[in-house]
C-alpha atoms as a PDB file:
ATOM      1  CA  MET A   1      18.726  30.885  15.196  1.00  0.00           C
ATOM      2  CA  PRO A   2      19.008  33.712  17.800  1.00  0.00           C
ATOM      3  CA  LEU A   3      16.423  33.793  20.364  1.00  0.00           C
ATOM      4  CA  PRO A   4      14.173  36.880  20.590  1.00  0.00           C
ATOM      5  CA  ARG A   5      14.801  39.249  23.392  1.00  0.00           C
ATOM      6  CA  ALA A   6      11.468  38.165  25.122  1.00  0.00           C
ATOM      7  CA  ALA A   7      13.284  34.940  25.852  1.00  0.00           C
ATOM      8  CA  HIS A   8      15.796  36.672  28.111  1.00  0.00           C
ATOM      9  CA  GLU A   9      13.430  39.337  29.743  1.00  0.00           C
ATOM     10  CA  GLY A  10      10.413  39.233  31.776  1.00  0.00           C
ATOM     11  CA  THR A  11       9.326  36.877  34.574  1.00  0.00           C
ATOM     12  CA  ALA A  12      10.089  33.236  34.384  1.00  0.00           C
ATOM     13  CA  ALA A  13       6.533  32.288  33.354  1.00  0.00           C
ATOM     14  CA  GLU A  14       6.657  34.811  30.575  1.00  0.00           C
ATOM     15  CA  ARG A  15      10.124  33.529  29.368  1.00  0.00           C
ATOM     16  CA  LEU A  16       8.956  29.897  29.605  1.00  0.00           C
ATOM     17  CA  ALA A  17       5.846  30.806  27.396  1.00  0.00           C
ATOM     18  CA  VAL A  18       8.054  32.426  24.839  1.00  0.00           C
ATOM     19  CA  LEU A  19      10.555  29.673  24.615  1.00  0.00           C
ATOM     20  CA  GLU A  20       7.776  26.918  24.658  1.00  0.00           C
ATOM     21  CA  GLY A  21       6.166  28.781  21.828  1.00  0.00           C
ATOM     22  CA  ILE A  22       9.370  28.581  19.783  1.00  0.00           C
ATOM     23  CA  ILE A  23       9.819  24.777  20.503  1.00  0.00           C
ATOM     24  CA  GLY A  24       6.211  24.034  19.592  1.00  0.00           C
ATOM     25  CA  LYS A  25       6.611  26.006  16.328  1.00  0.00           C
ATOM     26  CA  ALA A  26       9.911  24.260  15.500  1.00  0.00           C
ATOM     27  CA  GLN A  27       8.196  20.892  16.152  1.00  0.00           C
ATOM     28  CA  ASP A  28       5.346  21.638  13.965  1.00  0.00           C
ATOM     29  CA  ASN A  29       7.593  22.588  11.102  1.00  0.00           C
ATOM     30  CA  ALA A  30       9.764  19.532  11.572  1.00  0.00           C
ATOM     31  CA  GLU A  31       6.666  17.204  11.324  1.00  0.00           C
ATOM     32  CA  LEU A  32       5.392  19.110   8.272  1.00  0.00           C
ATOM     33  CA  THR A  33       8.839  18.728   6.594  1.00  0.00           C
ATOM     34  CA  VAL A  34       8.894  15.043   7.308  1.00  0.00           C
ATOM     35  CA  ARG A  35       5.463  14.582   5.753  1.00  0.00           C
ATOM     36  CA  GLN A  36       6.413  16.538   2.871  1.00  0.00           C
ATOM     37  CA  ALA A  37       9.502  14.495   2.287  1.00  0.00           C
ATOM     38  CA  LYS A  38       7.898  11.314   2.790  1.00  0.00           C
ATOM     39  CA  ASP A  39       5.027  12.284   0.229  1.00  0.00           C
ATOM     40  CA  ARG A  40       7.646  13.450  -2.285  1.00  0.00           C
ATOM     41  CA  PHE A  41       9.663  10.144  -1.776  1.00  0.00           C
ATOM     42  CA  THR A  42       6.365   8.176  -2.293  1.00  0.00           C
ATOM     43  CA  ARG A  43       5.611  10.080  -5.506  1.00  0.00           C
ATOM     44  CA  GLU A  44       9.148   9.702  -6.972  1.00  0.00           C
ATOM     45  CA  ALA A  45       9.902   6.227  -5.984  1.00  0.00           C
ATOM     46  CA  GLY A  46       6.671   4.492  -6.316  1.00  0.00           C
ATOM     47  CA  PRO A  47       6.091   4.636  -9.887  1.00  0.00           C
ATOM     48  CA  ALA A  48       9.737   3.528 -10.587  1.00  0.00           C
ATOM     49  CA  LEU A  49       9.285   0.571  -8.098  1.00  0.00           C
ATOM     50  CA  ALA A  50       5.885  -0.282  -9.709  1.00  0.00           C
ATOM     51  CA  LEU A  51       7.429  -0.512 -13.049  1.00  0.00           C
ATOM     52  CA  ILE A  52      10.398  -2.644 -11.830  1.00  0.00           C
ATOM     53  CA  HIS A  53       7.700  -4.922 -10.317  1.00  0.00           C
ATOM     54  CA  ASP A  54       5.308  -5.088 -13.387  1.00  0.00           C
ATOM     55  CA  ASP A  55       8.126  -5.785 -15.958  1.00  0.00           C
ATOM     56  CA  GLU A  56       9.980  -7.913 -13.641  1.00  0.00           C
ATOM     57  CA  LEU A  57      13.167  -6.096 -14.008  1.00  0.00           C
ATOM     58  CA  TRP A  58      14.438  -7.604 -10.694  1.00  0.00           C
ATOM     59  CA  ARG A  59      15.242 -10.913 -12.731  1.00  0.00           C
ATOM     60  CA  PRO A  60      17.506 -12.831 -12.883  1.00  0.00           C
ATOM     61  CA  GLU A  61      19.554 -11.482 -10.155  1.00  0.00           C
ATOM     62  CA  TYR A  62      16.962 -11.728  -7.401  1.00  0.00           C
ATOM     63  CA  GLU A  63      14.638 -14.618  -6.663  1.00  0.00           C
ATOM     64  CA  SER A  64      11.468 -12.430  -6.333  1.00  0.00           C
ATOM     65  CA  PHE A  65      10.343  -9.005  -5.920  1.00  0.00           C
ATOM     66  CA  VAL A  66      10.390  -9.308  -2.195  1.00  0.00           C
ATOM     67  CA  ASP A  67      14.019 -10.537  -2.342  1.00  0.00           C
ATOM     68  CA  TYR A  68      14.812  -7.532  -4.555  1.00  0.00           C
ATOM     69  CA  VAL A  69      13.355  -4.729  -2.234  1.00  0.00           C
ATOM     70  CA  LYS A  70      14.935  -6.424   0.729  1.00  0.00           C
ATOM     71  CA  ARG A  71      18.419  -6.889  -0.493  1.00  0.00           C
ATOM     72  CA  ARG A  72      18.671  -3.844  -2.943  1.00  0.00           C
ATOM     73  CA  TRP A  73      16.824  -1.339  -0.870  1.00  0.00           C
ATOM     74  CA  ASP A  74      16.334  -2.875   2.638  1.00  0.00           C
ATOM     75  CA  TYR A  75      12.688  -2.457   2.469  1.00  0.00           C
ATOM     76  CA  SER A  76      10.190  -4.916   4.138  1.00  0.00           C
ATOM     77  CA  SER A  77       7.902  -6.717   1.716  1.00  0.00           C
ATOM     78  CA  THR A  78       4.872  -4.711   3.338  1.00  0.00           C
ATOM     79  CA  HIS A  79       6.661  -1.319   2.437  1.00  0.00           C
ATOM     80  CA  GLY A  80       7.657  -2.366  -0.985  1.00  0.00           C
ATOM     81  CA  TYR A  81       4.122  -3.516  -2.011  1.00  0.00           C
ATOM     82  CA  LEU A  82       2.680  -0.426  -0.351  1.00  0.00           C
ATOM     83  CA  LEU A  83       4.807   2.005  -2.428  1.00  0.00           C
ATOM     84  CA  VAL A  84       3.826  -0.032  -5.641  1.00  0.00           C
ATOM     85  CA  ALA A  85       0.131   0.086  -4.539  1.00  0.00           C
ATOM     86  CA  THR A  86       0.212   3.856  -3.786  1.00  0.00           C
ATOM     87  CA  ALA A  87       1.656   4.552  -7.096  1.00  0.00           C
ATOM     88  CA  LYS A  88      -1.086   2.584  -8.861  1.00  0.00           C
ATOM     89  CA  VAL A  89      -3.922   4.132  -6.837  1.00  0.00           C
ATOM     90  CA  GLN A  90      -2.526   7.540  -7.094  1.00  0.00           C
ATOM     91  CA  LYS A  91      -2.977   7.363 -11.048  1.00  0.00           C
ATOM     92  CA  ALA A  92      -6.647   7.314 -10.557  1.00  0.00           C
ATOM     93  CA  LEU A  93      -7.000  10.308  -8.216  1.00  0.00           C
ATOM     94  CA  PRO A  94      -7.629  13.903  -9.294  1.00  0.00           C
ATOM     95  CA  GLU A  95      -4.593  16.308  -9.743  1.00  0.00           C
ATOM     96  CA  GLY A  96      -3.471  17.556  -6.269  1.00  0.00           C
ATOM     97  CA  ALA A  97      -5.055  14.622  -4.462  1.00  0.00           C
ATOM     98  CA  SER A  98      -2.676  12.522  -2.356  1.00  0.00           C
ATOM     99  CA  ALA A  99      -3.427   8.875  -1.181  1.00  0.00           C
ATOM    100  CA  ASN A 100      -2.261   7.985   2.237  1.00  0.00           C
ATOM    101  CA  THR A 101      -1.884   4.415   3.559  1.00  0.00           C
ATOM    102  CA  GLY A 102      -5.435   4.228   4.704  1.00  0.00           C
ATOM    103  CA  HIS A 103      -6.751   5.290   1.305  1.00  0.00           C
ATOM    104  CA  VAL A 104      -4.599   2.794  -0.271  1.00  0.00           C
ATOM    105  CA  GLN A 105      -5.749  -0.211   1.792  1.00  0.00           C
ATOM    106  CA  VAL A 106      -9.372   0.595   0.871  1.00  0.00           C
ATOM    107  CA  LEU A 107      -8.922   1.438  -2.788  1.00  0.00           C
ATOM    108  CA  ALA A 108      -6.160  -1.208  -3.792  1.00  0.00           C
ATOM    109  CA  PRO A 109      -8.784  -4.098  -4.038  1.00  0.00           C
ATOM    110  CA  VAL A 110     -11.149  -1.928  -5.808  1.00  0.00           C
ATOM    111  CA  LEU A 111      -8.282  -1.065  -8.422  1.00  0.00           C
ATOM    112  CA  ARG A 112      -7.387  -4.707  -8.685  1.00  0.00           C
ATOM    113  CA  HIS A 113     -10.912  -5.972  -9.392  1.00  0.00           C
ATOM    114  CA  ASN A 114     -12.725  -3.047 -11.015  1.00  0.00           C
ATOM    115  CA  GLY A 115     -10.140  -0.702 -12.518  1.00  0.00           C
ATOM    116  CA  LEU A 116      -9.098   2.894 -12.409  1.00  0.00           C
ATOM    117  CA  GLU A 117     -12.540   4.415 -13.099  1.00  0.00           C
ATOM    118  CA  ALA A 118     -13.940   2.644 -10.096  1.00  0.00           C
ATOM    119  CA  VAL A 119     -11.274   4.223  -7.893  1.00  0.00           C
ATOM    120  CA  SER A 120     -11.916   7.733  -9.429  1.00  0.00           C
ATOM    121  CA  GLU A 121     -15.646   7.233  -8.964  1.00  0.00           C
ATOM    122  CA  ALA A 122     -15.285   6.099  -5.220  1.00  0.00           C
ATOM    123  CA  TRP A 123     -12.959   9.089  -4.484  1.00  0.00           C
ATOM    124  CA  ALA A 124     -15.323  11.568  -6.219  1.00  0.00           C
ATOM    125  CA  LYS A 125     -18.347  10.192  -4.157  1.00  0.00           C
ATOM    126  CA  SER A 126     -16.513  10.440  -0.808  1.00  0.00           C
ATOM    127  CA  GLU A 127     -15.198  13.868  -1.612  1.00  0.00           C
ATOM    128  CA  LYS A 128     -18.542  15.211  -2.695  1.00  0.00           C
ATOM    129  CA  LYS A 129     -20.414  13.877   0.367  1.00  0.00           C
ATOM    130  CA  ASN A 130     -17.752  14.265   3.152  1.00  0.00           C
ATOM    131  CA  GLY A 131     -15.111  16.672   1.902  1.00  0.00           C
ATOM    132  CA  GLN A 132     -11.529  15.310   2.033  1.00  0.00           C
ATOM    133  CA  PRO A 133     -11.855  11.617   1.899  1.00  0.00           C
ATOM    134  CA  THR A 134     -10.826   9.400   4.818  1.00  0.00           C
ATOM    135  CA  ALA A 135     -10.380   5.514   4.817  1.00  0.00           C
ATOM    136  CA  ALA A 136     -13.797   5.328   6.488  1.00  0.00           C
ATOM    137  CA  THR A 137     -15.655   7.552   4.156  1.00  0.00           C
ATOM    138  CA  LEU A 138     -13.924   5.738   1.082  1.00  0.00           C
ATOM    139  CA  LYS A 139     -14.925   2.385   2.344  1.00  0.00           C
ATOM    140  CA  ALA A 140     -18.626   3.736   2.748  1.00  0.00           C
ATOM    141  CA  ALA A 141     -18.405   5.056  -0.821  1.00  0.00           C
ATOM    142  CA  VAL A 142     -17.107   1.664  -2.106  1.00  0.00           C
ATOM    143  CA  ASP A 143     -19.847  -0.106  -0.556  1.00  0.00           C
ATOM    144  CA  GLU A 144     -22.552   2.224  -1.832  1.00  0.00           C
ATOM    145  CA  LEU A 145     -21.209   1.914  -5.294  1.00  0.00           C
ATOM    146  CA  GLY A 146     -21.315  -1.867  -5.108  1.00  0.00           C
ATOM    147  CA  TYR A 147     -17.717  -2.633  -5.549  1.00  0.00           C
ATOM    148  CA  GLY A 148     -17.817  -5.081  -2.733  1.00  0.00           C
ATOM    149  CA  LYS A 149     -16.510  -4.903   0.705  1.00  0.00           C
ATOM    150  CA  ALA A 150     -13.242  -3.100   0.946  1.00  0.00           C
ATOM    151  CA  THR A 151     -10.624  -5.144   2.734  1.00  0.00           C
ATOM    152  CA  LYS A 152      -7.097  -4.383   3.632  1.00  0.00           C
ATOM    153  CA  ALA A 153      -4.848  -4.816   0.504  1.00  0.00           C
ATOM    154  CA  ILE A 154      -2.863  -8.123   0.750  1.00  0.00           C
ATOM    155  CA  GLN A 155       0.649  -8.311  -0.568  1.00  0.00           C
ATOM    156  CA  GLY A 156       0.540  -8.689  -4.290  1.00  0.00           C
ATOM    157  CA  GLU A 157      -3.228  -7.912  -4.458  1.00  0.00           C
ATOM    158  CA  VAL A 158      -2.862  -4.946  -6.928  1.00  0.00           C
ATOM    159  CA  LEU A 159       0.586  -5.779  -8.301  1.00  0.00           C
ATOM    160  CA  SER A 160      -0.012  -7.779 -11.459  1.00  0.00           C
ATOM    161  CA  SER A 161       0.966  -6.150 -14.700  1.00  0.00           C
ATOM    162  CA  THR A 162      -0.851  -2.903 -15.539  1.00  0.00           C
ATOM    163  CA  ASN A 163      -1.464  -4.318 -18.959  1.00  0.00           C
ATOM    164  CA  HIS A 164      -3.462  -7.321 -17.220  1.00  0.00           C
ATOM    165  CA  THR A 165      -7.285  -6.855 -17.788  1.00  0.00           C
ATOM    166  CA  THR A 166      -8.981  -6.280 -14.489  1.00  0.00           C
ATOM    167  CA  THR A 167     -12.523  -7.745 -13.937  1.00  0.00           C
ATOM    168  CA  SER A 168     -15.163  -7.855 -11.291  1.00  0.00           C
ATOM    169  CA  SER A 169     -16.420 -11.358 -12.252  1.00  0.00           C
ATOM    170  CA  ALA A 170     -15.883 -14.426 -10.144  1.00  0.00           C
ATOM    171  CA  VAL A 171     -14.029 -16.220 -12.999  1.00  0.00           C
ATOM    172  CA  GLY A 172     -11.694 -13.234 -13.401  1.00  0.00           C
ATOM    173  CA  GLN A 173     -10.905 -12.954  -9.850  1.00  0.00           C
ATOM    174  CA  LEU A 174     -10.212 -16.702  -9.562  1.00  0.00           C
ATOM    175  CA  GLU A 175      -7.975 -16.521 -12.613  1.00  0.00           C
ATOM    176  CA  ASN A 176      -6.017 -13.629 -11.131  1.00  0.00           C
ATOM    177  CA  ALA A 177      -5.637 -15.391  -7.888  1.00  0.00           C
ATOM    178  CA  VAL A 178      -4.171 -18.516  -9.648  1.00  0.00           C
ATOM    179  CA  ALA A 179      -2.031 -16.403 -11.734  1.00  0.00           C
ATOM    180  CA  LEU A 180      -0.522 -14.654  -8.603  1.00  0.00           C
ATOM    181  CA  ALA A 181      -0.088 -17.996  -6.836  1.00  0.00           C
ATOM    182  CA  LYS A 182       1.798 -19.410  -9.853  1.00  0.00           C
ATOM    183  CA  LYS A 183       3.857 -16.327 -10.051  1.00  0.00           C
ATOM    184  CA  HIS A 184       4.941 -15.946  -6.491  1.00  0.00           C
ATOM    185  CA  LEU A 185       4.880 -19.421  -5.018  1.00  0.00           C
ATOM    186  CA  THR A 186       8.062 -20.807  -6.650  1.00  0.00           C
ATOM    187  CA  ARG A 187      10.133 -23.895  -5.752  1.00  0.00           C
ATOM    188  CA  ALA A 188      13.047 -21.654  -4.943  1.00  0.00           C
ATOM    189  CA  LEU A 189      10.868 -19.647  -2.367  1.00  0.00           C
ATOM    190  CA  VAL A 190       9.627 -22.852  -0.706  1.00  0.00           C
ATOM    191  CA  LYS A 191      13.103 -24.297  -0.483  1.00  0.00           C
ATOM    192  CA  LYS A 192      14.365 -21.065   1.016  1.00  0.00           C
ATOM    193  CA  ALA A 193      11.461 -20.766   3.553  1.00  0.00           C
ATOM    194  CA  PHE A 194      12.204 -24.284   4.788  1.00  0.00           C
ATOM    195  CA  GLU A 195      15.969 -23.401   5.167  1.00  0.00           C
ATOM    196  CA  GLU A 196      15.194 -20.255   7.147  1.00  0.00           C
ATOM    197  CA  SER A 197      12.435 -21.762   9.482  1.00  0.00           C
ATOM    198  CA  PRO A 198      11.319 -25.426   8.750  1.00  0.00           C
ATOM    199  CA  GLU A 199       8.448 -25.241  11.447  1.00  0.00           C
ATOM    200  CA  ASP A 200       6.908 -22.042  10.152  1.00  0.00           C
ATOM    201  CA  ALA A 201       7.382 -23.223   6.334  1.00  0.00           C
ATOM    202  CA  ARG A 202       5.770 -26.560   7.120  1.00  0.00           C
ATOM    203  CA  ARG A 203       2.878 -24.796   8.862  1.00  0.00           C
ATOM    204  CA  LEU A 204       2.223 -22.467   5.783  1.00  0.00           C
ATOM    205  CA  THR A 205       2.557 -25.383   3.234  1.00  0.00           C
ATOM    206  CA  GLU A 206      -0.199 -27.231   5.301  1.00  0.00           C
ATOM    207  CA  GLU A 207      -2.360 -24.142   5.091  1.00  0.00           C
ATOM    208  CA  ILE A 208      -1.830 -24.000   1.325  1.00  0.00           C
ATOM    209  CA  ALA A 209      -2.747 -27.711   1.014  1.00  0.00           C
ATOM    210  CA  SER A 210      -5.800 -27.006   3.081  1.00  0.00           C
ATOM    211  CA  TRP A 211      -6.959 -24.158   0.773  1.00  0.00           C
ATOM    212  CA  ALA A 212      -6.419 -26.391  -2.180  1.00  0.00           C
ATOM    213  CA  THR A 213      -8.731 -29.068  -0.544  1.00  0.00           C
ATOM    214  CA  THR A 214     -11.372 -26.402   0.112  1.00  0.00           C
ATOM    215  CA  ILE A 215     -11.357 -25.172  -3.411  1.00  0.00           C
ATOM    216  CA  THR A 216     -11.564 -28.735  -4.816  1.00  0.00           C
ATOM    217  CA  LYS A 217     -14.499 -29.509  -2.543  1.00  0.00           C
ATOM    218  CA  ALA A 218     -16.311 -26.249  -3.532  1.00  0.00           C
ATOM    219  CA  ALA A 219     -16.104 -27.256  -7.183  1.00  0.00           C
ATOM    220  CA  PRO A 220     -19.318 -28.708  -8.661  1.00  0.00           C
ATOM    221  CA  LYS A 221     -19.082 -32.455  -9.253  1.00  0.00           C
END
């Protein structure tokens, strides 16, 4: 773009002010464009990736969903799961609302254990009380509504099939946790982990064994 006449005329200070104003405006526009492009990508790719995950369309060519997003799209497991979780959370929000990463980290566990209506309720409560929701105001709304302490969404937390019944009961949560473990903790995954890093894999398997012991001890005799 051609520079305005003021960029060539006047004192050095005046010209500097004009030129810095141009750079600042261009920078703001670039950042806005990047955010818009990122939001559009999430809206378009997220639902498609969620369906691939839920219907396990990555089988049989890939060992797991994580393997699929890494080899097919070069996404980290965190990024792949975040896209899916965002798509699921977004379904519960009012038209025109957009969930960012902070929103998703708070609302993903709510969605997993309490369903879409609970997410809508938490969003509406936060919006009514504080205006545009933030992660902090959403967390406060979730706590006030009694949906439990909102914690950062773990990988796979909200990623079971959308047809699976969500529940806030302890039995339901335990059942969901076991189902996720059975689904993702495969022999092939364990074998591959030991091949890549024996020490790290052994440490993780010891942690899993410790969790199993803790669960057994917690069960009534």
